[in-house]
Amino acid sequence: MSNSMKLSLEQKFNIRSFETQVKAMSHEQAQEFLVKLYEQMLLKDNMYQDFIRHQWGLDSPPTL
């Protein structure tokens, strides 16, 4: 596995902290959180797609 596919020590710590927070949530809170998290993931995907389109010049109309 390449280094870019591994988690840093800080990221591993953040996961453990996140795990502790999630375990303290009620079932209803966890469900609401997951829906909001999924929405943020989709927005992040859109942002990356827009960025790539812009960088590759795919967002501007073709010139004749």
PDB file of N, CA and C in Angstrom:
ATOM      1  N   MET A   1       0.844  -1.179   0.000  1.00  0.00           N
ATOM      2  CA  MET A   1       0.000   0.000   0.000  1.00  0.00           C
ATOM      3  C   MET A   1       0.890   1.243   0.000  1.00  0.00           C
ATOM      4  N   SER A   2       0.571   2.192  -0.855  1.00  0.00           N
ATOM      5  CA  SER A   2       1.395   3.390  -0.949  1.00  0.00           C
ATOM      6  C   SER A   2       1.182   4.279   0.272  1.00  0.00           C
ATOM      7  N   ASN A   3       2.121   5.194   0.506  1.00  0.00           N
ATOM      8  CA  ASN A   3       2.025   6.092   1.655  1.00  0.00           C
ATOM      9  C   ASN A   3       0.777   6.962   1.603  1.00  0.00           C
ATOM     10  N   SER A   4       0.320   7.318   0.393  1.00  0.00           N
ATOM     11  CA  SER A   4      -0.861   8.152   0.282  1.00  0.00           C
ATOM     12  C   SER A   4      -2.133   7.400   0.674  1.00  0.00           C
ATOM     13  N   MET A   5      -2.051   6.083   0.737  1.00  0.00           N
ATOM     14  CA  MET A   5      -3.209   5.267   1.103  1.00  0.00           C
ATOM     15  C   MET A   5      -3.181   4.866   2.579  1.00  0.00           C
ATOM     16  N   LYS A   6      -2.207   5.343   3.322  1.00  0.00           N
ATOM     17  CA  LYS A   6      -2.095   5.038   4.747  1.00  0.00           C
ATOM     18  C   LYS A   6      -2.514   6.252   5.566  1.00  0.00           C
ATOM     19  N   LEU A   7      -2.991   6.002   6.770  1.00  0.00           N
ATOM     20  CA  LEU A   7      -3.387   7.081   7.660  1.00  0.00           C
ATOM     21  C   LEU A   7      -2.196   7.517   8.513  1.00  0.00           C
ATOM     22  N   SER A   8      -2.114   8.813   8.741  1.00  0.00           N
ATOM     23  CA  SER A   8      -1.067   9.332   9.622  1.00  0.00           C
ATOM     24  C   SER A   8      -1.466   9.042  11.069  1.00  0.00           C
ATOM     25  N   LEU A   9      -0.532   9.217  11.966  1.00  0.00           N
ATOM     26  CA  LEU A   9      -0.800   9.024  13.386  1.00  0.00           C
ATOM     27  C   LEU A   9      -1.902   9.978  13.849  1.00  0.00           C
ATOM     28  N   GLU A  10      -1.858  11.217  13.372  1.00  0.00           N
ATOM     29  CA  GLU A  10      -2.881  12.199  13.734  1.00  0.00           C
ATOM     30  C   GLU A  10      -4.260  11.764  13.228  1.00  0.00           C
ATOM     31  N   GLN A  11      -4.317  11.237  12.016  1.00  0.00           N
ATOM     32  CA  GLN A  11      -5.590  10.764  11.471  1.00  0.00           C
ATOM     33  C   GLN A  11      -6.126   9.581  12.274  1.00  0.00           C
ATOM     34  N   LYS A  12      -5.240   8.684  12.673  1.00  0.00           N
ATOM     35  CA  LYS A  12      -5.659   7.547  13.500  1.00  0.00           C
ATOM     36  C   LYS A  12      -6.207   8.030  14.844  1.00  0.00           C
ATOM     37  N   PHE A  13      -5.556   9.034  15.421  1.00  0.00           N
ATOM     38  CA  PHE A  13      -6.039   9.619  16.672  1.00  0.00           C
ATOM     39  C   PHE A  13      -7.424  10.227  16.466  1.00  0.00           C
ATOM     40  N   ASN A  14      -7.609  10.938  15.347  1.00  0.00           N
ATOM     41  CA  ASN A  14      -8.904  11.554  15.063  1.00  0.00           C
ATOM     42  C   ASN A  14     -10.004  10.506  14.894  1.00  0.00           C
ATOM     43  N   ILE A  15      -9.666   9.371  14.320  1.00  0.00           N
ATOM     44  CA  ILE A  15     -10.642   8.292  14.180  1.00  0.00           C
ATOM     45  C   ILE A  15     -11.061   7.768  15.551  1.00  0.00           C
ATOM     46  N   ARG A  16     -10.091   7.583  16.435  1.00  0.00           N
ATOM     47  CA  ARG A  16     -10.416   7.105  17.789  1.00  0.00           C
ATOM     48  C   ARG A  16     -11.288   8.116  18.523  1.00  0.00           C
ATOM     49  N   SER A  17     -10.984   9.387  18.370  1.00  0.00           N
ATOM     50  CA  SER A  17     -11.792  10.437  18.993  1.00  0.00           C
ATOM     51  C   SER A  17     -13.204  10.430  18.419  1.00  0.00           C
ATOM     52  N   PHE A  18     -13.307  10.289  17.110  1.00  0.00           N
ATOM     53  CA  PHE A  18     -14.597  10.229  16.431  1.00  0.00           C
ATOM     54  C   PHE A  18     -15.398   9.012  16.915  1.00  0.00           C
ATOM     55  N   GLU A  19     -14.717   7.894  17.048  1.00  0.00           N
ATOM     56  CA  GLU A  19     -15.366   6.672  17.522  1.00  0.00           C
ATOM     57  C   GLU A  19     -15.974   6.878  18.904  1.00  0.00           C
ATOM     58  N   THR A  20     -15.247   7.543  19.779  1.00  0.00           N
ATOM     59  CA  THR A  20     -15.743   7.829  21.126  1.00  0.00           C
ATOM     60  C   THR A  20     -16.987   8.703  21.071  1.00  0.00           C
ATOM     61  N   GLN A  21     -16.965   9.709  20.205  1.00  0.00           N
ATOM     62  CA  GLN A  21     -18.119  10.597  20.073  1.00  0.00           C
ATOM     63  C   GLN A  21     -19.333   9.852  19.533  1.00  0.00           C
ATOM     64  N   VAL A  22     -19.127   8.995  18.544  1.00  0.00           N
ATOM     65  CA  VAL A  22     -20.233   8.253  17.940  1.00  0.00           C
ATOM     66  C   VAL A  22     -20.845   7.284  18.948  1.00  0.00           C
ATOM     67  N   LYS A  23     -20.019   6.645  19.741  1.00  0.00           N
ATOM     68  CA  LYS A  23     -20.531   5.699  20.735  1.00  0.00           C
ATOM     69  C   LYS A  23     -21.413   6.384  21.774  1.00  0.00           C
ATOM     70  N   ALA A  24     -21.200   7.683  21.983  1.00  0.00           N
ATOM     71  CA  ALA A  24     -21.992   8.431  22.958  1.00  0.00           C
ATOM     72  C   ALA A  24     -23.319   8.926  22.375  1.00  0.00           C
ATOM     73  N   MET A  25     -23.510   8.785  21.064  1.00  0.00           N
ATOM     74  CA  MET A  25     -24.732   9.262  20.414  1.00  0.00           C
ATOM     75  C   MET A  25     -25.873   8.269  20.600  1.00  0.00           C
ATOM     76  N   SER A  26     -27.082   8.812  20.593  1.00  0.00           N
ATOM     77  CA  SER A  26     -28.252   7.943  20.553  1.00  0.00           C
ATOM     78  C   SER A  26     -28.394   7.405  19.125  1.00  0.00           C
ATOM     79  N   HIS A  27     -29.237   6.408  18.959  1.00  0.00           N
ATOM     80  CA  HIS A  27     -29.470   5.834  17.634  1.00  0.00           C
ATOM     81  C   HIS A  27     -29.986   6.907  16.678  1.00  0.00           C
ATOM     82  N   GLU A  28     -30.916   7.717  17.148  1.00  0.00           N
ATOM     83  CA  GLU A  28     -31.497   8.784  16.322  1.00  0.00           C
ATOM     84  C   GLU A  28     -30.443   9.819  15.937  1.00  0.00           C
ATOM     85  N   GLN A  29     -29.605  10.221  16.882  1.00  0.00           N
ATOM     86  CA  GLN A  29     -28.536  11.187  16.603  1.00  0.00           C
ATOM     87  C   GLN A  29     -27.560  10.618  15.570  1.00  0.00           C
ATOM     88  N   ALA A  30     -27.238   9.349  15.706  1.00  0.00           N
ATOM     89  CA  ALA A  30     -26.299   8.717  14.769  1.00  0.00           C
ATOM     90  C   ALA A  30     -26.883   8.683  13.361  1.00  0.00           C
ATOM     91  N   GLN A  31     -28.184   8.398  13.246  1.00  0.00           N
ATOM     92  CA  GLN A  31     -28.820   8.383  11.933  1.00  0.00           C
ATOM     93  C   GLN A  31     -28.799   9.773  11.295  1.00  0.00           C
ATOM     94  N   GLU A  32     -29.135  10.796  12.064  1.00  0.00           N
ATOM     95  CA  GLU A  32     -29.104  12.167  11.546  1.00  0.00           C
ATOM     96  C   GLU A  32     -27.685  12.553  11.136  1.00  0.00           C
ATOM     97  N   PHE A  33     -26.730  12.167  11.949  1.00  0.00           N
ATOM     98  CA  PHE A  33     -25.339  12.476  11.652  1.00  0.00           C
ATOM     99  C   PHE A  33     -24.892  11.820  10.358  1.00  0.00           C
ATOM    100  N   LEU A  34     -25.262  10.558  10.153  1.00  0.00           N
ATOM    101  CA  LEU A  34     -24.872   9.849   8.936  1.00  0.00           C
ATOM    102  C   LEU A  34     -25.461  10.486   7.686  1.00  0.00           C
ATOM    103  N   VAL A  35     -26.700  10.934   7.769  1.00  0.00           N
ATOM    104  CA  VAL A  35     -27.320  11.593   6.618  1.00  0.00           C
ATOM    105  C   VAL A  35     -26.573  12.890   6.295  1.00  0.00           C
ATOM    106  N   LYS A  36     -26.242  13.672   7.319  1.00  0.00           N
ATOM    107  CA  LYS A  36     -25.502  14.921   7.095  1.00  0.00           C
ATOM    108  C   LYS A  36     -24.090  14.635   6.573  1.00  0.00           C
ATOM    109  N   LEU A  37     -23.464  13.599   7.084  1.00  0.00           N
ATOM    110  CA  LEU A  37     -22.130  13.224   6.623  1.00  0.00           C
ATOM    111  C   LEU A  37     -22.156  12.823   5.152  1.00  0.00           C
ATOM    112  N   TYR A  38     -23.174  12.060   4.772  1.00  0.00           N
ATOM    113  CA  TYR A  38     -23.307  11.633   3.384  1.00  0.00           C
ATOM    114  C   TYR A  38     -23.519  12.842   2.470  1.00  0.00           C
ATOM    115  N   GLU A  39     -24.331  13.785   2.927  1.00  0.00           N
ATOM    116  CA  GLU A  39     -24.555  15.008   2.148  1.00  0.00           C
ATOM    117  C   GLU A  39     -23.236  15.760   1.946  1.00  0.00           C
ATOM    118  N   GLN A  40     -22.439  15.866   2.993  1.00  0.00           N
ATOM    119  CA  GLN A  40     -21.146  16.543   2.887  1.00  0.00           C
ATOM    120  C   GLN A  40     -20.204  15.801   1.944  1.00  0.00           C
ATOM    121  N   MET A  41     -20.259  14.473   1.944  1.00  0.00           N
ATOM    122  CA  MET A  41     -19.416  13.697   1.030  1.00  0.00           C
ATOM    123  C   MET A  41     -19.800  13.982  -0.421  1.00  0.00           C
ATOM    124  N   LEU A  42     -21.104  14.072  -0.682  1.00  0.00           N
ATOM    125  CA  LEU A  42     -21.560  14.371  -2.038  1.00  0.00           C
ATOM    126  C   LEU A  42     -21.141  15.770  -2.468  1.00  0.00           C
ATOM    127  N   LEU A  43     -21.252  16.741  -1.550  1.00  0.00           N
ATOM    128  CA  LEU A  43     -20.825  18.104  -1.858  1.00  0.00           C
ATOM    129  C   LEU A  43     -19.318  18.147  -2.143  1.00  0.00           C
ATOM    130  N   LYS A  44     -18.556  17.382  -1.379  1.00  0.00           N
ATOM    131  CA  LYS A  44     -17.101  17.307  -1.590  1.00  0.00           C
ATOM    132  C   LYS A  44     -16.802  16.713  -2.970  1.00  0.00           C
ATOM    133  N   ASP A  45     -17.529  15.660  -3.336  1.00  0.00           N
ATOM    134  CA  ASP A  45     -17.363  15.076  -4.673  1.00  0.00           C
ATOM    135  C   ASP A  45     -17.645  16.100  -5.754  1.00  0.00           C
ATOM    136  N   ASN A  46     -18.734  16.859  -5.591  1.00  0.00           N
ATOM    137  CA  ASN A  46     -19.077  17.895  -6.567  1.00  0.00           C
ATOM    138  C   ASN A  46     -17.974  18.944  -6.675  1.00  0.00           C
ATOM    139  N   MET A  47     -17.421  19.322  -5.529  1.00  0.00           N
ATOM    140  CA  MET A  47     -16.356  20.325  -5.509  1.00  0.00           C
ATOM    141  C   MET A  47     -15.128  19.804  -6.265  1.00  0.00           C
ATOM    142  N   TYR A  48     -14.754  18.542  -6.015  1.00  0.00           N
ATOM    143  CA  TYR A  48     -13.612  17.952  -6.722  1.00  0.00           C
ATOM    144  C   TYR A  48     -13.869  17.883  -8.223  1.00  0.00           C
ATOM    145  N   GLN A  49     -15.078  17.476  -8.604  1.00  0.00           N
ATOM    146  CA  GLN A  49     -15.412  17.389 -10.023  1.00  0.00           C
ATOM    147  C   GLN A  49     -15.333  18.763 -10.688  1.00  0.00           C
ATOM    148  N   ASP A  50     -15.863  19.789 -10.024  1.00  0.00           N
ATOM    149  CA  ASP A  50     -15.796  21.143 -10.570  1.00  0.00           C
ATOM    150  C   ASP A  50     -14.352  21.613 -10.689  1.00  0.00           C
ATOM    151  N   PHE A  51     -13.551  21.313  -9.673  1.00  0.00           N
ATOM    152  CA  PHE A  51     -12.151  21.704  -9.683  1.00  0.00           C
ATOM    153  C   PHE A  51     -11.418  21.047 -10.855  1.00  0.00           C
ATOM    154  N   ILE A  52     -11.640  19.749 -11.028  1.00  0.00           N
ATOM    155  CA  ILE A  52     -10.972  19.027 -12.121  1.00  0.00           C
ATOM    156  C   ILE A  52     -11.440  19.552 -13.472  1.00  0.00           C
ATOM    157  N   ARG A  53     -12.758  19.766 -13.615  1.00  0.00           N
ATOM    158  CA  ARG A  53     -13.282  20.321 -14.868  1.00  0.00           C
ATOM    159  C   ARG A  53     -12.620  21.657 -15.186  1.00  0.00           C
ATOM    160  N   HIS A  54     -12.488  22.495 -14.166  1.00  0.00           N
ATOM    161  CA  HIS A  54     -11.877  23.810 -14.353  1.00  0.00           C
ATOM    162  C   HIS A  54     -10.397  23.677 -14.729  1.00  0.00           C
ATOM    163  N   GLN A  55      -9.675  22.821 -14.010  1.00  0.00           N
ATOM    164  CA  GLN A  55      -8.242  22.638 -14.263  1.00  0.00           C
ATOM    165  C   GLN A  55      -7.984  22.069 -15.655  1.00  0.00           C
ATOM    166  N   TRP A  56      -8.855  21.218 -16.128  1.00  0.00           N
ATOM    167  CA  TRP A  56      -8.694  20.596 -17.447  1.00  0.00           C
ATOM    168  C   TRP A  56      -9.345  21.412 -18.555  1.00  0.00           C
ATOM    169  N   GLY A  57      -9.958  22.545 -18.197  1.00  0.00           N
ATOM    170  CA  GLY A  57     -10.578  23.398 -19.199  1.00  0.00           C
ATOM    171  C   GLY A  57     -11.850  22.837 -19.771  1.00  0.00           C
ATOM    172  N   LEU A  58     -12.510  21.960 -19.038  1.00  0.00           N
ATOM    173  CA  LEU A  58     -13.736  21.345 -19.538  1.00  0.00           C
ATOM    174  C   LEU A  58     -14.970  22.154 -19.184  1.00  0.00           C
ATOM    175  N   ASP A  59     -14.793  23.196 -18.365  1.00  0.00           N
ATOM    176  CA  ASP A  59     -15.952  23.977 -17.946  1.00  0.00           C
ATOM    177  C   ASP A  59     -16.235  25.175 -18.858  1.00  0.00           C
ATOM    178  N   SER A  60     -15.323  25.463 -19.759  1.00  0.00           N
ATOM    179  CA  SER A  60     -15.525  26.609 -20.660  1.00  0.00           C
ATOM    180  C   SER A  60     -16.034  26.092 -22.000  1.00  0.00           C
ATOM    181  N   PRO A  61     -16.848  26.898 -22.680  1.00  0.00           N
ATOM    182  CA  PRO A  61     -17.371  26.465 -23.998  1.00  0.00           C
ATOM    183  C   PRO A  61     -16.229  26.325 -24.996  1.00  0.00           C
ATOM    184  N   PRO A  62     -16.366  25.384 -25.918  1.00  0.00           N
ATOM    185  CA  PRO A  62     -15.295  25.194 -26.907  1.00  0.00           C
ATOM    186  C   PRO A  62     -15.153  26.432 -27.806  1.00  0.00           C
ATOM    187  N   THR A  63     -13.920  26.724 -28.157  1.00  0.00           N
ATOM    188  CA  THR A  63     -13.661  27.867 -29.039  1.00  0.00           C
ATOM    189  C   THR A  63     -13.573  27.388 -30.480  1.00  0.00           C
ATOM    190  N   LEU A  64     -14.082  28.190 -31.379  1.00  0.00           N
ATOM    191  CA  LEU A  64     -14.072  27.811 -32.806  1.00  0.00           C
ATOM    192  C   LEU A  64     -12.896  28.401 -33.522  1.00  0.00           C
TER     193      LEU A  64
END
